[in-house]
């Protein structure tokens, strides 16, 4: 899977632990950074495709990603692999 998008991410200059928070307030801080990121879509698809269980990816928490995956399974929508 292509990961060149990672160089353009808003989180590239933030400490990694910001995106692996231990509380709800930490999730809000991480999502705030994601809100201004130009590559949230490929980031989210990367996390979904690779079944990353922890952290905030593409502006979505662990719980949100589980819901997305469940909805896709129910609708039989394949995971996107075009995250360029």
N, C-alpha and C. Protein backbone atom coordinates (compact mmCIF):
# COMPACT_ATOMS: atom_id res chain seq x y z
N UNK A 1 0.85 -1.18 0.00
CA UNK A 1 0.00 0.00 0.00
C UNK A 1 0.89 1.24 0.00
N UNK A 2 0.57 2.18 -0.85
CA UNK A 2 1.32 3.41 -0.99
C UNK A 2 1.18 4.28 0.26
N UNK A 3 2.30 4.74 0.80
CA UNK A 3 2.26 5.57 2.01
C UNK A 3 2.93 6.93 1.80
N UNK A 4 3.10 7.35 0.56
CA UNK A 4 3.74 8.64 0.31
C UNK A 4 2.93 9.80 0.90
N UNK A 5 1.64 9.61 1.07
CA UNK A 5 0.77 10.63 1.66
C UNK A 5 1.22 11.01 3.07
N UNK A 6 1.90 10.09 3.75
CA UNK A 6 2.30 10.34 5.14
C UNK A 6 3.20 11.57 5.27
N UNK A 7 3.97 11.86 4.24
CA UNK A 7 4.87 13.02 4.28
C UNK A 7 4.09 14.33 4.31
N UNK A 8 2.84 14.31 3.85
CA UNK A 8 2.02 15.52 3.78
C UNK A 8 1.12 15.68 5.00
N UNK A 9 1.18 14.75 5.93
CA UNK A 9 0.25 14.75 7.06
C UNK A 9 0.55 15.85 8.07
N UNK A 10 -0.51 16.34 8.68
CA UNK A 10 -0.37 17.36 9.72
C UNK A 10 0.29 16.80 10.97
N UNK A 11 0.19 15.50 11.16
CA UNK A 11 0.75 14.88 12.36
C UNK A 11 2.24 14.60 12.25
N UNK A 12 2.81 14.78 11.08
CA UNK A 12 4.22 14.47 10.87
C UNK A 12 5.13 15.24 11.82
N UNK A 13 4.70 16.40 12.24
CA UNK A 13 5.52 17.24 13.13
C UNK A 13 5.03 17.23 14.57
N UNK A 14 4.16 16.28 14.90
CA UNK A 14 3.63 16.16 16.25
C UNK A 14 4.17 14.90 16.90
N UNK A 15 4.28 14.89 18.22
CA UNK A 15 4.71 13.66 18.90
C UNK A 15 3.72 12.53 18.63
N UNK A 16 4.23 11.34 18.35
CA UNK A 16 3.37 10.19 18.03
C UNK A 16 2.38 9.89 19.14
N UNK A 17 2.78 10.09 20.39
CA UNK A 17 1.87 9.75 21.49
C UNK A 17 0.62 10.63 21.52
N UNK A 18 0.66 11.76 20.81
CA UNK A 18 -0.53 12.60 20.70
C UNK A 18 -1.67 11.83 20.04
N UNK A 19 -1.33 10.92 19.15
CA UNK A 19 -2.34 10.19 18.39
C UNK A 19 -2.67 8.82 18.97
N UNK A 20 -2.13 8.57 20.14
CA UNK A 20 -2.42 7.34 20.87
C UNK A 20 -2.78 7.72 22.30
N UNK A 21 -3.87 8.51 22.43
CA UNK A 21 -4.24 9.05 23.74
C UNK A 21 -4.83 7.99 24.67
N UNK A 22 -4.78 8.31 25.94
CA UNK A 22 -5.33 7.40 26.94
C UNK A 22 -6.67 7.87 27.48
N UNK A 23 -7.15 9.01 26.99
CA UNK A 23 -8.44 9.52 27.47
C UNK A 23 -9.18 10.27 26.36
N UNK A 24 -10.42 10.61 26.65
CA UNK A 24 -11.26 11.30 25.67
C UNK A 24 -10.73 12.66 25.28
N UNK A 25 -10.14 13.37 26.24
CA UNK A 25 -9.60 14.69 25.93
C UNK A 25 -8.44 14.56 24.95
N UNK A 26 -7.64 13.53 25.10
CA UNK A 26 -6.54 13.29 24.17
C UNK A 26 -7.04 13.01 22.77
N UNK A 27 -8.16 12.31 22.66
CA UNK A 27 -8.76 12.03 21.35
C UNK A 27 -9.19 13.34 20.69
N UNK A 28 -9.76 14.22 21.48
CA UNK A 28 -10.19 15.52 20.95
C UNK A 28 -9.00 16.31 20.42
N UNK A 29 -7.90 16.30 21.16
CA UNK A 29 -6.69 17.02 20.73
C UNK A 29 -6.17 16.44 19.41
N UNK A 30 -6.11 15.12 19.33
CA UNK A 30 -5.63 14.48 18.10
C UNK A 30 -6.55 14.78 16.92
N UNK A 31 -7.85 14.67 17.14
CA UNK A 31 -8.81 14.95 16.07
C UNK A 31 -8.71 16.40 15.60
N UNK A 32 -8.40 17.30 16.52
CA UNK A 32 -8.23 18.71 16.17
C UNK A 32 -7.10 18.88 15.16
N UNK A 33 -6.02 18.17 15.36
CA UNK A 33 -4.90 18.22 14.42
C UNK A 33 -5.34 17.63 13.07
N UNK A 34 -6.09 16.55 13.13
CA UNK A 34 -6.56 15.90 11.89
C UNK A 34 -7.50 16.80 11.09
N UNK A 35 -8.24 17.66 11.77
CA UNK A 35 -9.20 18.53 11.08
C UNK A 35 -8.56 19.40 10.02
N UNK A 36 -7.31 19.77 10.21
CA UNK A 36 -6.64 20.63 9.23
C UNK A 36 -5.72 19.85 8.30
N UNK A 37 -5.79 18.54 8.37
CA UNK A 37 -4.87 17.70 7.60
C UNK A 37 -5.38 17.47 6.17
N UNK A 38 -4.49 17.59 5.19
CA UNK A 38 -4.90 17.40 3.80
C UNK A 38 -5.00 15.93 3.38
N UNK A 39 -4.58 15.01 4.25
CA UNK A 39 -4.56 13.60 3.84
C UNK A 39 -5.36 12.70 4.80
N UNK A 40 -6.45 13.20 5.34
CA UNK A 40 -7.22 12.38 6.28
C UNK A 40 -7.83 11.16 5.60
N UNK A 41 -8.27 11.29 4.36
CA UNK A 41 -8.90 10.15 3.69
C UNK A 41 -7.93 8.99 3.48
N UNK A 42 -6.75 9.20 2.89
CA UNK A 42 -5.84 8.06 2.76
C UNK A 42 -5.37 7.55 4.11
N UNK A 43 -5.26 8.41 5.10
CA UNK A 43 -4.85 7.99 6.44
C UNK A 43 -5.89 7.05 7.04
N UNK A 44 -7.15 7.43 6.94
CA UNK A 44 -8.22 6.59 7.45
C UNK A 44 -8.27 5.26 6.70
N UNK A 45 -8.17 5.31 5.39
CA UNK A 45 -8.22 4.07 4.61
C UNK A 45 -7.04 3.16 4.94
N UNK A 46 -5.89 3.74 5.20
CA UNK A 46 -4.72 2.97 5.60
C UNK A 46 -5.00 2.22 6.90
N UNK A 47 -5.55 2.94 7.87
CA UNK A 47 -5.86 2.32 9.17
C UNK A 47 -6.92 1.23 9.03
N UNK A 48 -7.93 1.48 8.21
CA UNK A 48 -8.98 0.48 8.00
C UNK A 48 -8.43 -0.74 7.28
N UNK A 49 -7.68 -0.51 6.23
CA UNK A 49 -7.13 -1.61 5.43
C UNK A 49 -6.19 -2.49 6.26
N UNK A 50 -5.41 -1.85 7.12
CA UNK A 50 -4.43 -2.58 7.93
C UNK A 50 -4.98 -2.99 9.30
N UNK A 51 -6.25 -2.73 9.51
CA UNK A 51 -6.92 -3.10 10.76
C UNK A 51 -6.15 -2.60 12.00
N UNK A 52 -5.77 -1.32 11.95
CA UNK A 52 -5.06 -0.72 13.08
C UNK A 52 -6.08 -0.44 14.17
N UNK A 53 -5.85 -1.05 15.31
CA UNK A 53 -6.83 -1.00 16.40
C UNK A 53 -6.65 0.17 17.35
N UNK A 54 -5.49 0.78 17.37
CA UNK A 54 -5.22 1.81 18.38
C UNK A 54 -4.93 3.15 17.75
N UNK A 55 -5.29 4.19 18.47
CA UNK A 55 -4.95 5.54 18.06
C UNK A 55 -5.99 6.21 17.19
N UNK A 56 -5.71 7.45 16.89
CA UNK A 56 -6.55 8.27 16.02
C UNK A 56 -5.89 8.28 14.65
N UNK A 57 -6.62 7.86 13.65
CA UNK A 57 -6.14 7.80 12.26
C UNK A 57 -7.20 8.43 11.36
N UNK A 58 -6.79 9.31 10.49
CA UNK A 58 -7.74 9.93 9.57
C UNK A 58 -8.86 10.68 10.27
N UNK A 59 -8.57 11.16 11.44
CA UNK A 59 -9.57 11.91 12.20
C UNK A 59 -10.60 11.05 12.91
N UNK A 60 -10.38 9.74 12.93
CA UNK A 60 -11.34 8.82 13.56
C UNK A 60 -10.71 8.07 14.72
N UNK A 61 -11.48 7.94 15.76
CA UNK A 61 -11.04 7.17 16.93
C UNK A 61 -11.15 5.68 16.65
N UNK A 62 -10.65 4.90 17.57
CA UNK A 62 -10.74 3.44 17.45
C UNK A 62 -12.20 3.00 17.30
N UNK A 63 -13.06 3.56 18.13
CA UNK A 63 -14.48 3.21 18.10
C UNK A 63 -15.11 3.58 16.76
N UNK A 64 -14.79 4.75 16.26
CA UNK A 64 -15.34 5.17 14.98
C UNK A 64 -14.89 4.26 13.84
N UNK A 65 -13.63 3.84 13.87
CA UNK A 65 -13.14 2.94 12.82
C UNK A 65 -13.83 1.58 12.90
N UNK A 66 -14.07 1.09 14.10
CA UNK A 66 -14.80 -0.18 14.24
C UNK A 66 -16.20 -0.05 13.63
N UNK A 67 -16.84 1.07 13.86
CA UNK A 67 -18.18 1.29 13.30
C UNK A 67 -18.14 1.34 11.78
N UNK A 68 -17.14 2.00 11.24
CA UNK A 68 -17.00 2.08 9.78
C UNK A 68 -16.80 0.70 9.20
N UNK A 69 -15.92 -0.09 9.80
CA UNK A 69 -15.67 -1.45 9.30
C UNK A 69 -16.93 -2.30 9.38
N UNK A 70 -17.66 -2.17 10.46
CA UNK A 70 -18.91 -2.93 10.61
C UNK A 70 -19.92 -2.52 9.55
N UNK A 71 -20.06 -1.23 9.32
CA UNK A 71 -21.00 -0.74 8.31
C UNK A 71 -20.60 -1.24 6.92
N UNK A 72 -19.32 -1.28 6.65
CA UNK A 72 -18.87 -1.77 5.34
C UNK A 72 -19.12 -3.26 5.19
N UNK A 73 -18.94 -4.00 6.27
CA UNK A 73 -19.23 -5.44 6.21
C UNK A 73 -20.70 -5.67 5.95
N UNK A 74 -21.54 -4.93 6.63
CA UNK A 74 -22.99 -5.08 6.49
C UNK A 74 -23.42 -4.73 5.07
N UNK A 75 -22.83 -3.70 4.50
CA UNK A 75 -23.21 -3.27 3.15
C UNK A 75 -22.38 -3.99 2.08
N UNK A 76 -21.50 -4.86 2.51
CA UNK A 76 -20.63 -5.63 1.60
C UNK A 76 -19.76 -4.72 0.75
N UNK A 77 -19.41 -3.57 1.29
CA UNK A 77 -18.55 -2.62 0.59
C UNK A 77 -17.10 -3.01 0.86
N UNK A 78 -16.33 -3.26 -0.19
CA UNK A 78 -14.92 -3.63 0.01
C UNK A 78 -14.11 -2.48 0.57
N UNK A 79 -13.04 -2.80 1.26
CA UNK A 79 -12.14 -1.77 1.73
C UNK A 79 -11.42 -1.16 0.54
N UNK A 80 -11.26 0.12 0.57
CA UNK A 80 -10.53 0.80 -0.49
C UNK A 80 -9.05 0.50 -0.34
N UNK A 81 -8.39 0.27 -1.43
CA UNK A 81 -6.94 0.08 -1.40
C UNK A 81 -6.26 1.14 -2.26
N UNK A 82 -7.01 2.19 -2.57
CA UNK A 82 -6.48 3.22 -3.46
C UNK A 82 -5.91 4.39 -2.70
N UNK A 83 -5.62 4.23 -1.42
CA UNK A 83 -5.07 5.33 -0.64
C UNK A 83 -3.69 5.69 -1.18
N UNK A 84 -3.67 6.68 -2.04
CA UNK A 84 -2.41 7.06 -2.73
C UNK A 84 -1.74 8.20 -2.03
